[in-house]
C-alpha atoms as a PDB file:
ATOM      1  CA  MET A   1     -15.395 -48.621 -37.639  1.00  0.00           C
ATOM      2  CA  ASP A   2     -18.739 -49.955 -38.764  1.00  0.00           C
ATOM      3  CA  CYS A   3     -18.108 -52.801 -35.740  1.00  0.00           C
ATOM      4  CA  ILE A   4     -17.872 -50.177 -33.446  1.00  0.00           C
ATOM      5  CA  ILE A   5     -20.711 -48.303 -34.498  1.00  0.00           C
ATOM      6  CA  ASN A   6     -22.878 -51.401 -34.503  1.00  0.00           C
ATOM      7  CA  THR A   7     -21.399 -52.419 -30.777  1.00  0.00           C
ATOM      8  CA  LEU A   8     -22.510 -48.539 -29.742  1.00  0.00           C
ATOM      9  CA  LEU A   9     -25.740 -49.273 -30.922  1.00  0.00           C
ATOM     10  CA  PHE A  10     -26.200 -52.245 -29.849  1.00  0.00           C
ATOM     11  CA  ILE A  11     -25.162 -51.199 -26.350  1.00  0.00           C
ATOM     12  CA  ALA A  12     -27.266 -47.977 -26.498  1.00  0.00           C
ATOM     13  CA  GLY A  13     -30.560 -50.353 -27.342  1.00  0.00           C
ATOM     14  CA  VAL A  14     -30.245 -53.099 -24.557  1.00  0.00           C
ATOM     15  CA  LEU A  15     -28.351 -50.813 -21.627  1.00  0.00           C
ATOM     16  CA  PRO A  16     -31.970 -48.700 -21.878  1.00  0.00           C
ATOM     17  CA  GLY A  17     -34.035 -51.706 -22.288  1.00  0.00           C
ATOM     18  CA  HIS A  18     -32.758 -53.322 -18.670  1.00  0.00           C
ATOM     19  CA  ILE A  19     -32.859 -49.991 -16.732  1.00  0.00           C
ATOM     20  CA  HIS A  20     -36.420 -50.235 -17.687  1.00  0.00           C
ATOM     21  CA  ALA A  21     -36.943 -53.672 -17.319  1.00  0.00           C
ATOM     22  CA  PHE A  22     -35.320 -53.361 -13.662  1.00  0.00           C
ATOM     23  CA  TYR A  23     -37.594 -50.028 -12.857  1.00  0.00           C
ATOM     24  CA  VAL A  24     -40.593 -52.100 -14.060  1.00  0.00           C
ATOM     25  CA  THR A  25     -39.594 -54.845 -11.938  1.00  0.00           C
ATOM     26  CA  CYS A  26     -39.124 -52.770  -8.873  1.00  0.00           C
ATOM     27  CA  THR A  27     -42.309 -50.756  -9.183  1.00  0.00           C
ATOM     28  CA  TYR A  28     -44.375 -54.143  -9.557  1.00  0.00           C
ATOM     29  CA  PHE A  29     -43.178 -55.905  -6.712  1.00  0.00           C
ATOM     30  CA  HIS A  30     -43.631 -52.766  -4.344  1.00  0.00           C
ATOM     31  CA  ARG A  31     -46.886 -52.439  -5.264  1.00  0.00           C
ATOM     32  CA  LYS A  32     -47.903 -55.965  -5.111  1.00  0.00           C
ATOM     33  CA  SER A  33     -46.295 -55.781  -1.322  1.00  0.00           C
ATOM     34  CA  LYS A  34     -48.353 -53.026  -0.980  1.00  0.00           C
ATOM     35  CA  VAL A  35     -51.689 -54.868  -2.225  1.00  0.00           C
ATOM     36  CA  ASN A  36     -50.813 -57.768   0.076  1.00  0.00           C
ATOM     37  CA  LYS A  37     -50.885 -55.457   2.894  1.00  0.00           C
ATOM     38  CA  GLY A  38     -53.937 -54.412   2.024  1.00  0.00           C
ATOM     39  CA  ARG A  39     -53.122 -50.869   0.976  1.00  0.00           C
ATOM     40  CA  TYR A  40     -53.395 -48.697  -1.877  1.00  0.00           C
ATOM     41  CA  PRO A  41     -50.975 -49.213  -4.631  1.00  0.00           C
ATOM     42  CA  GLY A  42     -50.697 -46.007  -5.987  1.00  0.00           C
ATOM     43  CA  GLY A  43     -51.970 -44.303  -9.498  1.00  0.00           C
ATOM     44  CA  ARG A  44     -49.889 -44.542 -12.762  1.00  0.00           C
ATOM     45  CA  LYS A  45     -46.233 -44.376 -12.930  1.00  0.00           C
ATOM     46  CA  ALA A  46     -44.339 -43.068 -15.600  1.00  0.00           C
ATOM     47  CA  GLY A  47     -43.085 -45.160 -18.453  1.00  0.00           C
ATOM     48  CA  ILE A  48     -45.053 -48.136 -17.132  1.00  0.00           C
ATOM     49  CA  TYR A  49     -48.658 -48.612 -19.156  1.00  0.00           C
ATOM     50  CA  SER A  50     -49.425 -52.317 -17.959  1.00  0.00           C
ATOM     51  CA  GLU A  51     -52.200 -51.952 -15.725  1.00  0.00           C
ATOM     52  CA  ASN A  52     -51.263 -55.481 -14.134  1.00  0.00           C
ATOM     53  CA  VAL A  53     -48.056 -53.332 -13.084  1.00  0.00           C
ATOM     54  CA  TRP A  54     -50.016 -50.467 -11.668  1.00  0.00           C
ATOM     55  CA  ASN A  55     -51.911 -52.320  -9.545  1.00  0.00           C
ATOM     56  CA  GLY A  56     -49.485 -54.729  -8.102  1.00  0.00           C
ATOM     57  CA  ASP A  57     -51.093 -57.860  -9.795  1.00  0.00           C
ATOM     58  CA  ALA A  58     -54.515 -57.329  -8.012  1.00  0.00           C
ATOM     59  CA  SER A  59     -57.954 -56.414 -10.177  1.00  0.00           C
ATOM     60  CA  ASN A  60     -59.059 -53.282 -10.561  1.00  0.00           C
ATOM     61  CA  ALA A  61     -62.214 -53.993  -8.511  1.00  0.00           C
ATOM     62  CA  LYS A  62     -59.785 -54.861  -5.515  1.00  0.00           C
ATOM     63  CA  VAL A  63     -57.621 -51.692  -6.123  1.00  0.00           C
ATOM     64  CA  ARG A  64     -60.996 -49.660  -5.813  1.00  0.00           C
ATOM     65  CA  ASP A  65     -62.006 -50.831  -2.654  1.00  0.00           C
ATOM     66  CA  LEU A  66     -58.537 -50.368  -1.020  1.00  0.00           C
ATOM     67  CA  LEU A  67     -58.590 -46.647  -2.837  1.00  0.00           C
ATOM     68  CA  MET A  68     -61.913 -46.398  -1.132  1.00  0.00           C
ATOM     69  CA  ARG A  69     -60.907 -47.775   2.177  1.00  0.00           C
ATOM     70  CA  GLN A  70     -57.690 -45.374   2.294  1.00  0.00           C
ATOM     71  CA  ARG A  71     -60.141 -42.524   1.743  1.00  0.00           C
ATOM     72  CA  GLU A  72     -61.996 -43.618   4.423  1.00  0.00           C
ATOM     73  CA  GLU A  73     -59.075 -43.577   7.178  1.00  0.00           C
ATOM     74  CA  GLU A  74     -58.178 -40.255   6.003  1.00  0.00           C
ATOM     75  CA  ASP A  75     -61.798 -38.804   6.669  1.00  0.00           C
ATOM     76  CA  LEU A  76     -61.614 -40.284   9.771  1.00  0.00           C
ATOM     77  CA  LYS A  77     -58.545 -39.293  10.914  1.00  0.00           C
ATOM     78  CA  MET A  78     -59.550 -35.517   9.383  1.00  0.00           C
ATOM     79  CA  MET A  79     -62.631 -35.629  11.668  1.00  0.00           C
ATOM     80  CA  LYS A  80     -60.382 -36.729  14.365  1.00  0.00           C
ATOM     81  CA  LYS A  81     -58.128 -33.994  14.368  1.00  0.00           C
ATOM     82  CA  ALA A  82     -60.558 -31.470  14.166  1.00  0.00           C
ATOM     83  CA  SER A  83     -62.474 -33.255  16.939  1.00  0.00           C
ATOM     84  CA  LYS A  84     -59.495 -32.709  19.010  1.00  0.00           C
ATOM     85  CA  ARG A  85     -58.824 -29.216  17.748  1.00  0.00           C
ATOM     86  CA  SER A  86     -62.181 -28.170  18.527  1.00  0.00           C
ATOM     87  CA  SER A  87     -62.126 -29.414  21.791  1.00  0.00           C
ATOM     88  CA  GLY A  88     -59.157 -28.007  23.011  1.00  0.00           C
ATOM     89  CA  LEU A  89     -57.095 -30.776  23.425  1.00  0.00           C
ATOM     90  CA  ASP A  90     -54.288 -30.511  21.284  1.00  0.00           C
ATOM     91  CA  ARG A  91     -53.610 -27.683  23.180  1.00  0.00           C
ATOM     92  CA  MET A  92     -53.197 -28.742  26.547  1.00  0.00           C
ATOM     93  CA  GLY A  93     -49.962 -28.209  28.042  1.00  0.00           C
ATOM     94  CA  SER A  94     -48.340 -25.995  25.451  1.00  0.00           C
ATOM     95  CA  GLN A  95     -49.369 -22.863  27.794  1.00  0.00           C
ATOM     96  CA  SER A  96     -45.837 -22.575  28.454  1.00  0.00           C
ATOM     97  CA  VAL A  97     -44.471 -19.132  28.742  1.00  0.00           C
ATOM     98  CA  SER A  98     -42.034 -17.523  26.888  1.00  0.00           C
ATOM     99  CA  ALA A  99     -38.797 -16.247  28.428  1.00  0.00           C
ATOM    100  CA  GLY A 100     -38.442 -13.825  25.727  1.00  0.00           C
ATOM    101  CA  HIS A 101     -36.010 -16.008  23.355  1.00  0.00           C
ATOM    102  CA  GLY A 102     -37.841 -15.434  20.339  1.00  0.00           C
ATOM    103  CA  SER A 103     -39.694 -18.650  20.389  1.00  0.00           C
ATOM    104  CA  ARG A 104     -43.546 -18.626  19.890  1.00  0.00           C
ATOM    105  CA  ARG A 105     -45.907 -21.404  20.415  1.00  0.00           C
ATOM    106  CA  ASN A 106     -48.929 -21.745  17.954  1.00  0.00           C
ATOM    107  CA  ARG A 107     -51.862 -21.273  20.061  1.00  0.00           C
ATOM    108  CA  GLY A 108     -54.432 -20.785  17.614  1.00  0.00           C
ATOM    109  CA  SER A 109     -56.994 -17.855  17.601  1.00  0.00           C
ATOM    110  CA  VAL A 110     -55.088 -15.439  20.145  1.00  0.00           C
ATOM    111  CA  ARG A 111     -56.379 -11.733  20.372  1.00  0.00           C
ATOM    112  CA  LYS A 112     -55.649  -9.172  23.004  1.00  0.00           C
ATOM    113  CA  SER A 113     -58.602  -7.258  24.183  1.00  0.00           C
ATOM    114  CA  ASN A 114     -58.536  -3.627  25.961  1.00  0.00           C
ATOM    115  CA  THR A 115     -58.655  -4.892  29.341  1.00  0.00           C
ATOM    116  CA  GLY A 116     -55.596  -6.727  28.937  1.00  0.00           C
ATOM    117  CA  ALA A 117     -57.117 -10.669  28.788  1.00  0.00           C
ATOM    118  CA  TYR A 118     -56.364 -12.538  26.123  1.00  0.00           C
ATOM    119  CA  THR A 119     -58.918 -14.363  23.985  1.00  0.00           C
ATOM    120  CA  TYR A 120     -57.978 -17.852  23.032  1.00  0.00           C
ATOM    121  CA  ASP A 121     -60.346 -19.056  20.416  1.00  0.00           C
ATOM    122  CA  GLY A 122     -63.347 -17.540  21.952  1.00  0.00           C
ATOM    123  CA  GLU A 123     -62.320 -18.399  25.549  1.00  0.00           C
ATOM    124  CA  GLU A 124     -60.752 -15.635  27.924  1.00  0.00           C
ATOM    125  CA  ARG A 125     -58.154 -15.936  30.024  1.00  0.00           C
ATOM    126  CA  ARG A 126     -55.780 -13.525  31.829  1.00  0.00           C
ATOM    127  CA  PRO A 127     -52.036 -13.564  31.621  1.00  0.00           C
ATOM    128  CA  VAL A 128     -49.767 -14.529  34.248  1.00  0.00           C
ATOM    129  CA  GLU A 129     -48.196 -11.949  36.341  1.00  0.00           C
ATOM    130  CA  PRO A 130     -44.397 -10.924  35.315  1.00  0.00           C
ATOM    131  CA  SER A 131     -43.369 -11.695  38.749  1.00  0.00           C
ATOM    132  CA  ARG A 132     -44.669 -14.873  38.822  1.00  0.00           C
ATOM    133  CA  TRP A 133     -42.544 -15.995  35.756  1.00  0.00           C
ATOM    134  CA  ARG A 134     -40.353 -19.191  36.886  1.00  0.00           C
ATOM    135  CA  ILE A 135     -37.544 -19.710  34.063  1.00  0.00           C
END
């Protein structure tokens, strides 16, 4: 019976250790490939306490630079989207008429005035006459 208990305790100690080692190794090589591609490897990971693994074998300064570059790229993308949205380019071609099947498109801020005109983000447009709708 002691032999069985010792064997079970040994297995209980070895298997979780191997699983954790596999997890650390996979994380390390995944983050190292990100750093080699010039991308931010990511922050801390649960169950890993080594900065070398967190950083993918890069220095803290290099990881900081990669993070700053990623944030700058995200800010640039957001500025481009905001610029595109304010110029109305993102809604070009999306002005199709619904056939009443319940499909509605997001057209930004749409308001209907008492005169029957629709206001799209400050620009007033008249609706298309129902007799001209072609489906």
